[in-house]
Protein backbone atom coordinates (compact mmCIF):
# COMPACT_ATOMS: atom_id res chain seq x y z
CA MET A 1 -54.71 -10.25 1.74
CA LEU A 2 -53.19 -6.88 2.72
CA SER A 3 -52.18 -6.10 -0.86
CA GLN A 4 -55.87 -6.10 -1.86
CA ARG A 5 -56.69 -3.26 0.49
CA PRO A 6 -56.15 0.40 -0.47
CA ALA A 7 -53.18 2.06 1.29
CA TRP A 8 -55.34 4.41 3.28
CA GLN A 9 -57.09 1.45 4.98
CA LEU A 10 -53.93 -0.15 6.33
CA PRO A 11 -53.69 2.02 9.48
CA LEU A 12 -57.34 1.30 10.23
CA TRP A 13 -56.90 -2.47 9.53
CA HIS A 14 -53.94 -2.75 11.96
CA GLY A 15 -55.44 -0.44 14.62
CA ALA A 16 -52.66 2.13 14.33
CA ALA A 17 -55.17 4.98 13.78
CA ARG A 18 -57.08 4.12 16.92
CA ARG A 19 -53.93 3.72 19.08
CA GLY A 20 -52.43 6.97 17.75
CA MET A 21 -55.46 9.20 18.31
CA PRO A 22 -54.79 10.03 21.99
CA TRP A 23 -51.24 11.11 21.05
CA ARG A 24 -52.56 13.40 18.25
CA LEU A 25 -55.18 14.96 20.37
CA SER A 26 -52.81 15.60 23.26
CA ARG A 27 -50.54 17.81 21.20
CA ALA A 28 -51.94 21.17 20.19
CA ALA A 29 -49.59 21.49 17.26
CA VAL A 30 -51.24 18.40 15.72
CA ALA A 31 -54.81 18.70 17.05
CA SER A 32 -55.42 22.23 15.75
CA PRO A 33 -54.63 21.48 12.09
CA LEU A 34 -56.66 18.23 12.37
CA ALA A 35 -59.60 20.16 13.64
CA ARG A 36 -59.38 22.74 10.81
CA LEU A 37 -59.01 19.94 8.22
CA ASN A 38 -62.10 18.20 9.68
CA LYS A 39 -64.12 21.46 9.52
CA ARG A 40 -63.10 22.00 5.86
CA LEU A 41 -64.09 18.41 4.96
CA CYS A 42 -67.47 18.87 6.69
CA ASP A 43 -68.06 22.14 4.88
CA ARG A 44 -67.28 20.57 1.60
CA ALA A 45 -69.53 17.57 2.27
CA ALA A 46 -72.41 19.92 3.17
CA GLY A 47 -71.84 21.90 -0.06
CA GLN A 48 -71.98 18.75 -2.12
CA LEU A 49 -75.19 17.68 -0.40
CA PHE A 50 -76.70 21.06 -1.15
CA ILE A 51 -75.68 20.83 -4.83
CA THR A 52 -77.03 17.27 -5.13
CA HIS A 53 -80.32 18.21 -3.43
CA THR A 54 -80.79 21.26 -5.65
CA ILE A 55 -80.17 19.37 -8.86
CA ARG A 56 -82.37 16.43 -7.90
CA SER A 57 -85.20 18.63 -6.67
CA TYR A 58 -85.20 21.42 -9.24
CA GLY A 59 -83.02 20.27 -12.12
CA ALA A 60 -79.69 21.08 -13.54
CA LEU A 61 -80.89 24.10 -15.54
CA LEU A 62 -82.06 25.96 -12.41
CA PHE A 63 -78.82 25.11 -10.63
CA ALA A 64 -76.71 26.36 -13.59
CA THR A 65 -78.84 29.48 -13.85
CA ALA A 66 -78.49 30.19 -10.09
CA MET A 67 -74.71 29.69 -10.14
CA THR A 68 -74.22 31.76 -13.25
CA THR A 69 -76.34 34.60 -11.82
CA ARG A 70 -74.50 34.36 -8.46
CA GLN A 71 -71.08 34.60 -10.19
CA PHE A 72 -72.22 37.51 -12.35
CA LEU A 73 -73.55 39.46 -9.35
CA SER A 74 -70.34 38.58 -7.37
CA VAL A 75 -68.15 40.08 -10.12
CA LEU A 76 -70.41 43.07 -10.38
CA LEU A 77 -70.36 43.70 -6.61
CA SER A 78 -66.54 43.29 -6.59
CA CYS A 79 -66.18 45.84 -9.36
CA LEU A 80 -68.39 48.29 -7.57
CA LEU A 81 -66.72 47.84 -4.13
CA PHE A 82 -63.14 47.95 -5.38
CA GLN A 83 -63.79 50.40 -8.25
CA HIS A 84 -62.38 48.14 -11.00
CA PRO A 85 -63.41 49.33 -14.45
CA LEU A 86 -64.92 46.84 -16.84
CA SER A 87 -64.42 47.04 -20.65
CA LEU A 88 -67.34 46.72 -23.08
CA GLY A 89 -66.33 43.08 -23.83
CA GLN A 90 -66.31 42.21 -20.14
CA TRP A 91 -69.82 43.67 -19.71
CA CYS A 92 -71.08 41.82 -22.77
CA GLY A 93 -69.50 38.48 -21.84
CA PRO A 94 -72.13 37.15 -19.44
CA LEU A 95 -75.12 38.46 -21.43
CA PRO A 96 -75.46 35.56 -23.90
CA ILE A 97 -75.36 33.11 -21.06
CA LEU A 98 -77.92 34.95 -18.95
CA LYS A 99 -80.03 35.54 -22.12
CA CYS A 100 -80.18 31.79 -22.74
CA CYS A 101 -80.64 30.60 -19.18
CA LEU A 102 -83.10 32.98 -17.66
CA PRO A 103 -85.91 32.96 -20.24
CA SER A 104 -85.87 29.19 -20.61
CA GLN A 105 -85.92 28.89 -16.81
CA CYS A 106 -88.81 31.29 -16.50
CA LEU A 107 -90.75 29.47 -19.26
CA THR A 108 -90.10 26.09 -17.58
CA ARG A 109 -91.50 27.46 -14.24
CA ILE A 110 -94.59 29.04 -15.98
CA CYS A 111 -95.43 25.86 -17.90
CA THR A 112 -95.09 23.69 -14.81
CA VAL A 113 -97.29 26.01 -12.68
CA GLN A 114 -100.04 26.29 -15.30
CA GLY A 115 -99.87 22.68 -16.56
C-alpha cells in the first residue's frame, strides 16, 4: 500500500511532518528559509491565478500582446536607464511581433464593442 503513494506523501502519511513542525519552527536557521520558500510559492501561485484569469476572461491574444508589450517596454526602459546602445537589428526585432499583435487586438476590441 505504501508503494502506491508518491514519495512526498510518505511523511504526511506517517505523521512525521506534523511531529517535526515544532522543531522546525523553533530553530531560526530552519524557520527563516521555510518562510521565504513559502512566500515564493504563494507569489508564484498568485501569478498563475492572474495569468489564468486573464486568459479565461480576455483571451490568449490579449495576454500575449500585453506580455510582449511589457517585455518590449522593459528592455527599452533598461536601455534608457543604463545607457545601453541598441543596434538597428535589435530595434527592428520586436516590430514584426508588435505589428501583428496590436492591430489584430485593436480590431478584435472594436468589433466586440460595436457588434
